[in-house]
Amino acid sequence: MDGSRGLDFLLISVRDPNYGATGWQGTLFVFAMILVAYYFNVYASGLMARMQNLLLATHVLCWVLIVVSLWVLAPRQSAEAVFTKFENFGGFSSMRLTVMVGQLSAIYGCLSSDATAHMSGEIKDAGRYVPIAITWSYFANAIMALIVLITMLFAIPSVEDALNDESGYPLIYVVKQAPDTSGVPLHSREPV
């Protein structure tokens, strides 16, 4: 399983450890997502502007739920361990090379930030509003990502255990370390 489809089934298995996802369930899930996308593009395109606002509110609400629950429930590392202890799990020859390679995943998130510019033909006064939208969304998400990064650094008990967790997602490992995992599927669903 990969992507959000795998994460959906993984969240079910966190609640029910006996659950085992099968290929046909994944296929049905993909077909359902295709039908939802088709419906909104063909029949409900007028709702897209209102859906944007709802999805933005859901995005921020889920972010707040995840961050606050990790601050409150997850075990904490000391500030000294978070800010002064560096580990080389990549097997590279030096810590400097490890840090440089580790930054690639953060840079990858910025690759498609110009997608808004490609849709600017549909916006009135695009020369004014598109750069404003790109700038605000970039900086708002950068601040949110920095807060999540610091939260994860404090909440992760063992980086090695998180990387070797059977889920494949360090966030799921951290959430499972919190005392109450019954709310995992509720607040781990971040809209894509």
N, C-alpha and C. Protein backbone atom coordinates (compact mmCIF):
# COMPACT_ATOMS: atom_id res chain seq x y z
N MET A 1 0.85 -1.18 0.00
CA MET A 1 0.00 0.00 0.00
C MET A 1 0.89 1.23 0.00
N ASP A 2 0.48 2.26 -0.72
CA ASP A 2 1.29 3.47 -0.72
C ASP A 2 0.38 4.69 -0.68
N GLY A 3 0.98 5.84 -0.34
CA GLY A 3 0.26 7.09 -0.33
C GLY A 3 -0.85 7.12 0.71
N SER A 4 -1.83 7.97 0.47
CA SER A 4 -2.91 8.14 1.44
C SER A 4 -3.79 6.89 1.52
N ARG A 5 -3.86 6.12 0.44
CA ARG A 5 -4.65 4.88 0.47
C ARG A 5 -4.07 3.94 1.51
N GLY A 6 -2.76 3.80 1.54
CA GLY A 6 -2.11 2.95 2.54
C GLY A 6 -2.29 3.50 3.94
N LEU A 7 -2.25 4.81 4.07
CA LEU A 7 -2.42 5.42 5.38
C LEU A 7 -3.82 5.19 5.92
N ASP A 8 -4.82 5.23 5.05
CA ASP A 8 -6.19 4.95 5.49
C ASP A 8 -6.30 3.56 6.09
N PHE A 9 -5.78 2.56 5.38
CA PHE A 9 -5.84 1.19 5.89
C PHE A 9 -4.97 1.01 7.12
N LEU A 10 -3.87 1.74 7.19
CA LEU A 10 -3.00 1.66 8.36
C LEU A 10 -3.71 2.20 9.60
N LEU A 11 -4.48 3.27 9.45
CA LEU A 11 -5.22 3.83 10.58
C LEU A 11 -6.28 2.85 11.07
N ILE A 12 -6.87 2.09 10.16
CA ILE A 12 -7.82 1.05 10.58
C ILE A 12 -7.09 -0.02 11.38
N SER A 13 -5.90 -0.40 10.94
CA SER A 13 -5.16 -1.45 11.65
C SER A 13 -4.65 -0.97 13.00
N VAL A 14 -4.48 0.34 13.20
CA VAL A 14 -4.10 0.85 14.53
C VAL A 14 -5.24 0.61 15.50
N ARG A 15 -6.48 0.84 15.04
CA ARG A 15 -7.65 0.61 15.89
C ARG A 15 -7.93 -0.87 16.07
N ASP A 16 -7.73 -1.66 15.00
CA ASP A 16 -8.01 -3.09 15.03
C ASP A 16 -6.77 -3.84 14.53
N PRO A 17 -5.89 -4.27 15.44
CA PRO A 17 -4.64 -4.93 15.03
C PRO A 17 -4.84 -6.21 14.22
N ASN A 18 -6.01 -6.83 14.28
CA ASN A 18 -6.27 -8.05 13.52
C ASN A 18 -6.66 -7.78 12.07
N TYR A 19 -6.86 -6.51 11.72
CA TYR A 19 -7.28 -6.15 10.37
C TYR A 19 -6.12 -6.32 9.39
N GLY A 20 -6.39 -6.88 8.24
CA GLY A 20 -5.38 -7.02 7.19
C GLY A 20 -5.97 -6.53 5.88
N ALA A 21 -5.41 -5.47 5.33
CA ALA A 21 -5.91 -4.91 4.08
C ALA A 21 -5.61 -5.85 2.93
N THR A 22 -6.55 -5.93 2.00
CA THR A 22 -6.36 -6.77 0.82
C THR A 22 -6.32 -5.89 -0.42
N GLY A 23 -5.85 -6.45 -1.51
CA GLY A 23 -5.73 -5.69 -2.75
C GLY A 23 -7.05 -5.19 -3.29
N TRP A 24 -8.10 -6.01 -3.18
CA TRP A 24 -9.39 -5.58 -3.73
C TRP A 24 -9.96 -4.39 -2.96
N GLN A 25 -9.67 -4.30 -1.65
CA GLN A 25 -10.14 -3.15 -0.88
C GLN A 25 -9.45 -1.87 -1.36
N GLY A 26 -8.16 -1.98 -1.63
CA GLY A 26 -7.42 -0.83 -2.15
C GLY A 26 -7.94 -0.40 -3.51
N THR A 27 -8.26 -1.38 -4.36
CA THR A 27 -8.80 -1.08 -5.68
C THR A 27 -10.15 -0.37 -5.57
N LEU A 28 -11.02 -0.86 -4.70
CA LEU A 28 -12.32 -0.20 -4.50
C LEU A 28 -12.14 1.21 -3.97
N PHE A 29 -11.17 1.40 -3.09
CA PHE A 29 -10.90 2.74 -2.54
C PHE A 29 -10.45 3.69 -3.65
N VAL A 30 -9.58 3.24 -4.53
CA VAL A 30 -9.11 4.07 -5.64
C VAL A 30 -10.28 4.40 -6.57
N PHE A 31 -11.13 3.42 -6.89
CA PHE A 31 -12.29 3.69 -7.73
C PHE A 31 -13.23 4.70 -7.08
N ALA A 32 -13.42 4.60 -5.79
CA ALA A 32 -14.27 5.56 -5.08
C ALA A 32 -13.70 6.97 -5.18
N MET A 33 -12.39 7.11 -5.04
CA MET A 33 -11.77 8.44 -5.14
C MET A 33 -11.89 8.99 -6.56
N ILE A 34 -11.77 8.12 -7.56
CA ILE A 34 -11.94 8.55 -8.95
C ILE A 34 -13.36 9.04 -9.18
N LEU A 35 -14.35 8.31 -8.65
CA LEU A 35 -15.75 8.73 -8.81
C LEU A 35 -16.03 10.05 -8.12
N VAL A 36 -15.46 10.26 -6.94
CA VAL A 36 -15.65 11.54 -6.24
C VAL A 36 -15.04 12.68 -7.05
N ALA A 37 -13.83 12.49 -7.56
CA ALA A 37 -13.18 13.52 -8.37
C ALA A 37 -13.98 13.79 -9.64
N TYR A 38 -14.46 12.74 -10.29
CA TYR A 38 -15.28 12.89 -11.49
C TYR A 38 -16.55 13.68 -11.19
N TYR A 39 -17.23 13.32 -10.11
CA TYR A 39 -18.47 14.00 -9.75
C TYR A 39 -18.24 15.49 -9.53
N PHE A 40 -17.22 15.83 -8.77
CA PHE A 40 -16.98 17.25 -8.49
C PHE A 40 -16.54 18.01 -9.73
N ASN A 41 -15.76 17.39 -10.60
CA ASN A 41 -15.32 18.09 -11.81
C ASN A 41 -16.43 18.26 -12.83
N VAL A 42 -17.34 17.29 -12.93
CA VAL A 42 -18.37 17.34 -13.97
C VAL A 42 -19.66 17.97 -13.47
N TYR A 43 -20.14 17.56 -12.30
CA TYR A 43 -21.47 17.98 -11.86
C TYR A 43 -21.47 19.05 -10.77
N ALA A 44 -20.41 19.18 -10.03
CA ALA A 44 -20.43 20.10 -8.89
C ALA A 44 -19.29 21.10 -8.94
N SER A 45 -18.91 21.51 -10.14
CA SER A 45 -17.79 22.44 -10.25
C SER A 45 -18.11 23.79 -9.62
N GLY A 46 -19.38 24.13 -9.54
CA GLY A 46 -19.78 25.38 -8.89
C GLY A 46 -19.53 25.38 -7.39
N LEU A 47 -19.43 24.20 -6.81
CA LEU A 47 -19.17 24.10 -5.36
C LEU A 47 -17.69 24.20 -5.01
N MET A 48 -16.82 24.20 -6.02
CA MET A 48 -15.38 24.16 -5.75
C MET A 48 -14.91 25.33 -4.90
N ALA A 49 -15.41 26.53 -5.17
CA ALA A 49 -14.96 27.70 -4.39
C ALA A 49 -15.34 27.56 -2.92
N ARG A 50 -16.56 27.07 -2.67
CA ARG A 50 -16.97 26.87 -1.27
C ARG A 50 -16.23 25.69 -0.63
N MET A 51 -15.94 24.67 -1.41
CA MET A 51 -15.20 23.52 -0.89
C MET A 51 -13.78 23.91 -0.48
N GLN A 52 -13.18 24.87 -1.22
CA GLN A 52 -11.84 25.33 -0.85
C GLN A 52 -11.81 25.84 0.57
N ASN A 53 -12.80 26.66 0.91
CA ASN A 53 -12.85 27.23 2.25
C ASN A 53 -13.06 26.14 3.30
N LEU A 54 -13.93 25.19 3.01
CA LEU A 54 -14.17 24.08 3.94
C LEU A 54 -12.90 23.24 4.12
N LEU A 55 -12.21 22.95 3.02
CA LEU A 55 -10.98 22.15 3.11
C LEU A 55 -9.87 22.91 3.83
N LEU A 56 -9.79 24.22 3.65
CA LEU A 56 -8.80 25.01 4.39
C LEU A 56 -9.09 24.94 5.88
N ALA A 57 -10.35 25.11 6.26
CA ALA A 57 -10.71 25.03 7.67
C ALA A 57 -10.42 23.63 8.23
N THR A 58 -10.71 22.59 7.45
CA THR A 58 -10.42 21.22 7.88
C THR A 58 -8.92 21.00 8.03
N HIS A 59 -8.15 21.52 7.10
CA HIS A 59 -6.68 21.40 7.13
C HIS A 59 -6.13 22.02 8.42
N VAL A 60 -6.56 23.24 8.72
CA VAL A 60 -6.06 23.93 9.92
C VAL A 60 -6.56 23.24 11.18
N LEU A 61 -7.82 22.82 11.21
CA LEU A 61 -8.36 22.14 12.39
C LEU A 61 -7.63 20.82 12.66
N CYS A 62 -7.41 20.02 11.63
CA CYS A 62 -6.67 18.76 11.81
C CYS A 62 -5.25 19.01 12.26
N TRP A 63 -4.63 20.06 11.72
CA TRP A 63 -3.27 20.41 12.14
C TRP A 63 -3.24 20.76 13.62
N VAL A 64 -4.19 21.57 14.07
CA VAL A 64 -4.26 21.94 15.49
C VAL A 64 -4.48 20.70 16.35
N LEU A 65 -5.40 19.82 15.94
CA LEU A 65 -5.66 18.60 16.71
C LEU A 65 -4.42 17.72 16.84
N ILE A 66 -3.69 17.54 15.75
CA ILE A 66 -2.50 16.70 15.80
C ILE A 66 -1.43 17.32 16.68
N VAL A 67 -1.14 18.60 16.49
CA VAL A 67 -0.08 19.26 17.25
C VAL A 67 -0.42 19.32 18.73
N VAL A 68 -1.63 19.73 19.06
CA VAL A 68 -2.00 19.85 20.48
C VAL A 68 -2.03 18.47 21.15
N SER A 69 -2.56 17.47 20.46
CA SER A 69 -2.59 16.14 21.08
C SER A 69 -1.18 15.60 21.31
N LEU A 70 -0.25 15.88 20.40
CA LEU A 70 1.13 15.44 20.63
C LEU A 70 1.78 16.22 21.76
N TRP A 71 1.48 17.50 21.88
CA TRP A 71 2.03 18.29 22.99
C TRP A 71 1.53 17.76 24.32
N VAL A 72 0.25 17.37 24.36
CA VAL A 72 -0.36 16.98 25.63
C VAL A 72 -0.09 15.52 25.97
N LEU A 73 -0.22 14.61 25.01
CA LEU A 73 -0.21 13.18 25.31
C LEU A 73 1.12 12.47 25.09
N ALA A 74 1.91 12.90 24.14
CA ALA A 74 3.12 12.15 23.80
C ALA A 74 4.22 12.36 24.82
N PRO A 75 5.05 11.34 25.03
CA PRO A 75 6.21 11.53 25.91
C PRO A 75 7.16 12.55 25.28
N ARG A 76 7.87 13.29 26.12
CA ARG A 76 8.71 14.37 25.61
C ARG A 76 10.20 14.09 25.79
N GLN A 77 10.97 14.52 24.79
CA GLN A 77 12.42 14.52 24.88
C GLN A 77 12.86 15.83 25.55
N SER A 78 14.05 15.85 26.08
CA SER A 78 14.57 17.09 26.66
C SER A 78 15.01 18.01 25.52
N ALA A 79 15.04 19.31 25.81
CA ALA A 79 15.48 20.28 24.80
C ALA A 79 16.92 20.02 24.40
N GLU A 80 17.72 19.56 25.35
CA GLU A 80 19.12 19.25 25.03
C GLU A 80 19.20 18.13 24.00
N ALA A 81 18.40 17.09 24.17
CA ALA A 81 18.41 15.97 23.22
C ALA A 81 17.90 16.40 21.85
N VAL A 82 16.91 17.29 21.83
CA VAL A 82 16.33 17.72 20.56
C VAL A 82 17.28 18.61 19.77
N PHE A 83 17.91 19.57 20.44
CA PHE A 83 18.68 20.58 19.72
C PHE A 83 20.18 20.31 19.65
N THR A 84 20.71 19.38 20.43
CA THR A 84 22.16 19.17 20.40
C THR A 84 22.58 17.76 20.01
N LYS A 85 21.66 16.81 19.95
CA LYS A 85 22.01 15.43 19.62
C LYS A 85 21.69 15.16 18.15
N PHE A 86 22.69 14.80 17.39
CA PHE A 86 22.52 14.49 15.97
C PHE A 86 22.91 13.04 15.74
N GLU A 87 22.12 12.35 14.90
CA GLU A 87 22.37 10.94 14.64
C GLU A 87 22.44 10.70 13.14
N ASN A 88 23.30 9.81 12.72
CA ASN A 88 23.51 9.50 11.31
C ASN A 88 22.94 8.11 11.03
N PHE A 89 21.64 8.05 10.68
CA PHE A 89 21.01 6.77 10.37
C PHE A 89 21.12 6.41 8.89
N GLY A 90 21.63 7.35 8.08
CA GLY A 90 21.74 7.10 6.65
C GLY A 90 22.99 6.34 6.25
N GLY A 91 23.91 6.19 7.19
CA GLY A 91 25.14 5.48 6.88
C GLY A 91 26.12 6.30 6.05
N PHE A 92 25.95 7.62 6.03
CA PHE A 92 26.87 8.46 5.26
C PHE A 92 28.16 8.66 6.04
N SER A 93 29.20 9.10 5.33
CA SER A 93 30.54 9.18 5.92
C SER A 93 30.68 10.29 6.96
N SER A 94 29.87 11.34 6.87
CA SER A 94 29.99 12.44 7.84
C SER A 94 28.62 12.99 8.18
N MET A 95 28.56 13.70 9.30
CA MET A 95 27.30 14.32 9.71
C MET A 95 26.92 15.44 8.76
N ARG A 96 27.91 16.15 8.22
CA ARG A 96 27.62 17.24 7.27
C ARG A 96 26.91 16.70 6.03
N LEU A 97 27.39 15.59 5.51
CA LEU A 97 26.75 14.98 4.34
C LEU A 97 25.35 14.49 4.69
N THR A 98 25.19 13.94 5.87
CA THR A 98 23.87 13.47 6.32
C THR A 98 22.88 14.63 6.38
N VAL A 99 23.31 15.77 6.91
CA VAL A 99 22.43 16.94 7.00
C VAL A 99 22.06 17.44 5.60
N MET A 100 23.03 17.48 4.69
CA MET A 100 22.75 17.95 3.34
C MET A 100 21.76 17.02 2.62
N VAL A 101 21.95 15.72 2.74
CA VAL A 101 21.04 14.77 2.10
C VAL A 101 19.67 14.84 2.76
N GLY A 102 19.63 15.04 4.07
CA GLY A 102 18.36 15.13 4.79
C GLY A 102 17.51 16.31 4.38
N GLN A 103 18.15 17.36 3.85
CA GLN A 103 17.40 18.54 3.43
C GLN A 103 16.66 18.33 2.12
N LEU A 104 17.02 17.29 1.38
CA LEU A 104 16.37 17.05 0.09
C LEU A 104 14.87 16.82 0.23
N SER A 105 14.45 16.13 1.28
CA SER A 105 13.01 15.89 1.45
C SER A 105 12.27 17.18 1.74
N ALA A 106 12.90 18.11 2.45
CA ALA A 106 12.26 19.41 2.70
C ALA A 106 12.19 20.23 1.42
N ILE A 107 13.22 20.16 0.61
CA ILE A 107 13.23 20.89 -0.66
C ILE A 107 12.20 20.30 -1.62
N TYR A 108 11.99 19.00 -1.57
CA TYR A 108 11.03 18.33 -2.45
C TYR A 108 9.63 18.92 -2.29
N GLY A 109 9.28 19.32 -1.08
CA GLY A 109 7.96 19.90 -0.83
C GLY A 109 7.74 21.23 -1.52
N CYS A 110 8.80 21.88 -1.96
CA CYS A 110 8.70 23.18 -2.61
C CYS A 110 8.65 23.08 -4.14
N LEU A 111 8.77 21.90 -4.70
CA LEU A 111 8.90 21.76 -6.14
C LEU A 111 7.68 22.25 -6.92
N SER A 112 6.49 22.03 -6.42
CA SER A 112 5.30 22.40 -7.18
C SER A 112 4.60 23.62 -6.61
N SER A 113 5.35 24.47 -5.95
CA SER A 113 4.71 25.64 -5.34
C SER A 113 4.25 26.65 -6.39
N ASP A 114 4.67 26.49 -7.63
CA ASP A 114 4.24 27.41 -8.68
C ASP A 114 2.98 26.94 -9.40
N ALA A 115 2.33 25.90 -8.91
CA ALA A 115 1.13 25.37 -9.57
C ALA A 115 0.03 26.43 -9.65
N THR A 116 -0.01 27.31 -8.67
CA THR A 116 -1.01 28.37 -8.68
C THR A 116 -0.82 29.28 -9.88
N ALA A 117 0.41 29.55 -10.25
CA ALA A 117 0.68 30.42 -11.39
C ALA A 117 0.13 29.84 -12.69
N HIS A 118 0.11 28.53 -12.80
CA HIS A 118 -0.39 27.90 -14.02
C HIS A 118 -1.91 28.00 -14.14
N MET A 119 -2.60 28.26 -13.06
CA MET A 119 -4.06 28.41 -13.09
C MET A 119 -4.46 29.88 -13.09
N SER A 120 -3.51 30.78 -13.23
CA SER A 120 -3.82 32.20 -13.09
C SER A 120 -4.66 32.75 -14.23
N GLY A 121 -4.79 32.02 -15.32
CA GLY A 121 -5.64 32.48 -16.41
C GLY A 121 -7.10 32.53 -16.05
N GLU A 122 -7.50 31.86 -14.99
CA GLU A 122 -8.90 31.82 -14.57
C GLU A 122 -9.22 32.84 -13.49
N ILE A 123 -8.25 33.70 -13.14
CA ILE A 123 -8.42 34.63 -12.02
C ILE A 123 -8.41 36.05 -12.55
N LYS A 124 -9.34 36.87 -12.06
CA LYS A 124 -9.35 38.29 -12.42
C LYS A 124 -8.19 38.99 -11.73
N ASP A 125 -7.52 39.87 -12.45
CA ASP A 125 -6.37 40.63 -11.94
C ASP A 125 -5.32 39.69 -11.36
N ALA A 126 -4.96 38.68 -12.16
CA ALA A 126 -4.04 37.64 -11.69
C ALA A 126 -2.66 38.19 -11.34
N GLY A 127 -2.21 39.22 -12.03
CA GLY A 127 -0.90 39.79 -11.74
C GLY A 127 -0.79 40.34 -10.33
N ARG A 128 -1.92 40.69 -9.75
CA ARG A 128 -1.91 41.21 -8.37
C ARG A 128 -2.16 40.10 -7.35
N TYR A 129 -3.16 39.26 -7.60
CA TYR A 129 -3.61 38.33 -6.56
C TYR A 129 -2.85 37.00 -6.51
N VAL A 130 -2.36 36.51 -7.64
CA VAL A 130 -1.65 35.23 -7.63
C VAL A 130 -0.35 35.30 -6.83
N PRO A 131 0.50 36.32 -7.03
CA PRO A 131 1.71 36.38 -6.18
C PRO A 131 1.40 36.51 -4.69
N ILE A 132 0.34 37.22 -4.36
CA ILE A 132 -0.06 37.35 -2.95
C ILE A 132 -0.48 35.98 -2.41
N ALA A 133 -1.28 35.24 -3.19
CA ALA A 133 -1.73 33.91 -2.74
C ALA A 133 -0.56 32.95 -2.59
N ILE A 134 0.37 32.97 -3.55
CA ILE A 134 1.54 32.08 -3.46
C ILE A 134 2.36 32.41 -2.22
N THR A 135 2.61 33.69 -2.00
CA THR A 135 3.45 34.11 -0.87
C THR A 135 2.80 33.75 0.46
N TRP A 136 1.53 34.09 0.62
CA TRP A 136 0.86 33.79 1.89
C TRP A 136 0.76 32.29 2.16
N SER A 137 0.42 31.52 1.14
CA SER A 137 0.30 30.07 1.36
C SER A 137 1.66 29.45 1.66
N TYR A 138 2.70 29.93 0.99
CA TYR A 138 4.03 29.38 1.24
C TYR A 138 4.48 29.66 2.68
N PHE A 139 4.38 30.91 3.11
CA PHE A 139 4.85 31.25 4.45
C PHE A 139 3.96 30.66 5.55
N ALA A 140 2.65 30.62 5.33
CA ALA A 140 1.76 30.02 6.33
C ALA A 140 2.07 28.54 6.50
N ASN A 141 2.24 27.83 5.39
CA ASN A 141 2.56 26.40 5.49
C ASN A 141 3.97 26.16 6.01
N ALA A 142 4.91 27.07 5.73
CA ALA A 142 6.26 26.93 6.28
C ALA A 142 6.25 27.06 7.80
N ILE A 143 5.48 28.00 8.31
CA ILE A 143 5.37 28.17 9.76
C ILE A 143 4.71 26.94 10.39
N MET A 144 3.63 26.46 9.76
CA MET A 144 2.96 25.27 10.28
C MET A 144 3.90 24.06 10.25
N ALA A 145 4.67 23.92 9.18
CA ALA A 145 5.60 22.79 9.07
C ALA A 145 6.70 22.88 10.12
N LEU A 146 7.19 24.07 10.39
CA LEU A 146 8.23 24.24 11.42
C LEU A 146 7.70 23.86 12.79
N ILE A 147 6.46 24.24 13.08
CA ILE A 147 5.85 23.87 14.37
C ILE A 147 5.68 22.36 14.46
N VAL A 148 5.24 21.72 13.37
CA VAL A 148 5.09 20.26 13.37
C VAL A 148 6.45 19.59 13.53
N LEU A 149 7.47 20.12 12.87
CA LEU A 149 8.82 19.55 12.99
C LEU A 149 9.31 19.60 14.43
N ILE A 150 9.18 20.75 15.07
CA ILE A 150 9.62 20.88 16.46
C ILE A 150 8.79 19.98 17.37
N THR A 151 7.49 19.91 17.12
CA THR A 151 6.62 19.03 17.91
C THR A 151 7.06 17.57 17.77
N MET A 152 7.32 17.14 16.53
CA MET A 152 7.76 15.75 16.31
C MET A 152 9.10 15.48 16.97
N LEU A 153 10.01 16.44 16.91
CA LEU A 153 11.33 16.24 17.53
C LEU A 153 11.21 16.06 19.03
N PHE A 154 10.30 16.80 19.65
CA PHE A 154 10.11 16.64 21.09
C PHE A 154 9.32 15.38 21.43
N ALA A 155 8.40 14.96 20.55
CA ALA A 155 7.48 13.86 20.87
C ALA A 155 8.00 12.48 20.49
N ILE A 156 9.04 12.40 19.68
CA ILE A 156 9.51 11.09 19.22
C ILE A 156 10.45 10.49 20.27
N PRO A 157 10.07 9.37 20.86
CA PRO A 157 10.91 8.79 21.91
C PRO A 157 12.22 8.20 21.37
N SER A 158 12.15 7.56 20.20
CA SER A 158 13.34 6.93 19.62
C SER A 158 13.25 7.03 18.11
N VAL A 159 14.19 7.73 17.50
CA VAL A 159 14.18 7.89 16.05
C VAL A 159 14.36 6.53 15.37
N GLU A 160 15.25 5.72 15.91
CA GLU A 160 15.50 4.41 15.32
C GLU A 160 14.25 3.53 15.36
N ASP A 161 13.54 3.54 16.50
CA ASP A 161 12.30 2.76 16.59
C ASP A 161 11.24 3.29 15.64
N ALA A 162 11.17 4.63 15.49
CA ALA A 162 10.18 5.22 14.59
C ALA A 162 10.47 4.83 13.14
N LEU A 163 11.75 4.80 12.77
CA LEU A 163 12.10 4.42 11.40
C LEU A 163 11.87 2.94 11.13
N ASN A 164 11.98 2.13 12.17
CA ASN A 164 11.80 0.68 12.02
C ASN A 164 10.40 0.21 12.36
N ASP A 165 9.48 1.13 12.63
CA ASP A 165 8.11 0.75 12.98
C ASP A 165 7.45 0.04 11.80
N GLU A 166 6.61 -0.96 12.11
CA GLU A 166 5.98 -1.74 11.05
C GLU A 166 5.04 -0.92 10.19
N SER A 167 4.56 0.22 10.68
CA SER A 167 3.65 1.05 9.90
C SER A 167 4.35 1.72 8.73
N GLY A 168 5.62 2.05 8.89
CA GLY A 168 6.33 2.77 7.85
C GLY A 168 6.16 4.27 7.94
N TYR A 169 5.35 4.74 8.89
CA TYR A 169 5.10 6.16 9.08
C TYR A 169 5.54 6.57 10.48
N PRO A 170 6.59 7.39 10.62
CA PRO A 170 7.02 7.82 11.96
C PRO A 170 5.92 8.55 12.73
N LEU A 171 5.04 9.28 12.04
CA LEU A 171 3.95 9.97 12.74
C LEU A 171 3.04 8.97 13.45
N ILE A 172 2.72 7.87 12.79
CA ILE A 172 1.88 6.85 13.41
C ILE A 172 2.58 6.26 14.62
N TYR A 173 3.88 6.03 14.53
CA TYR A 173 4.65 5.52 15.67
C TYR A 173 4.55 6.49 16.84
N VAL A 174 4.72 7.78 16.58
CA VAL A 174 4.67 8.78 17.66
C VAL A 174 3.28 8.83 18.28
N VAL A 175 2.24 8.80 17.44
CA VAL A 175 0.87 8.85 17.96
C VAL A 175 0.57 7.60 18.79
N LYS A 176 1.10 6.44 18.37
CA LYS A 176 0.88 5.22 19.14
C LYS A 176 1.58 5.26 20.49
N GLN A 177 2.62 6.07 20.64
CA GLN A 177 3.32 6.17 21.91
C GLN A 177 2.54 7.00 22.93
N ALA A 178 1.60 7.80 22.46
CA ALA A 178 0.75 8.58 23.37
C ALA A 178 -0.15 7.61 24.13
N PRO A 179 -0.55 7.96 25.36
CA PRO A 179 -1.32 7.02 26.19
C PRO A 179 -2.62 6.54 25.59
N ASP A 180 -3.33 7.37 24.83
CA ASP A 180 -4.65 6.98 24.32
C ASP A 180 -4.60 6.93 22.81
N THR A 181 -4.67 5.74 22.21
CA THR A 181 -4.66 5.62 20.76
C THR A 181 -6.06 5.49 20.17
N SER A 182 -7.09 5.61 21.00
CA SER A 182 -8.44 5.44 20.46
C SER A 182 -8.83 6.57 19.53
N GLY A 183 -8.21 7.73 19.64
CA GLY A 183 -8.55 8.85 18.77
C GLY A 183 -7.69 8.96 17.53
N VAL A 184 -6.83 7.98 17.27
CA VAL A 184 -5.90 8.08 16.15
C VAL A 184 -6.61 8.31 14.82
N PRO A 185 -7.59 7.50 14.43
CA PRO A 185 -8.20 7.73 13.13
C PRO A 185 -8.92 9.07 13.03
N LEU A 186 -9.38 9.60 14.16
CA LEU A 186 -10.08 10.88 14.11
C LEU A 186 -9.13 12.01 13.78
N HIS A 187 -7.99 12.09 14.43
CA HIS A 187 -7.16 13.27 14.24
C HIS A 187 -5.90 13.03 13.42
N SER A 188 -5.73 11.87 12.86
CA SER A 188 -4.58 11.66 11.99
C SER A 188 -4.95 11.78 10.52
N ARG A 189 -6.17 12.12 10.22
CA ARG A 189 -6.58 12.27 8.82
C ARG A 189 -6.39 13.70 8.38
N GLU A 190 -5.24 14.00 7.89
CA GLU A 190 -4.93 15.32 7.35
C GLU A 190 -5.33 15.32 5.88
N PRO A 191 -6.18 16.25 5.44
CA PRO A 191 -6.56 16.26 4.03
C PRO A 191 -5.34 16.46 3.13
N VAL A 192 -5.34 15.75 2.02
CA VAL A 192 -4.20 15.84 1.10
C VAL A 192 -4.39 17.02 0.19
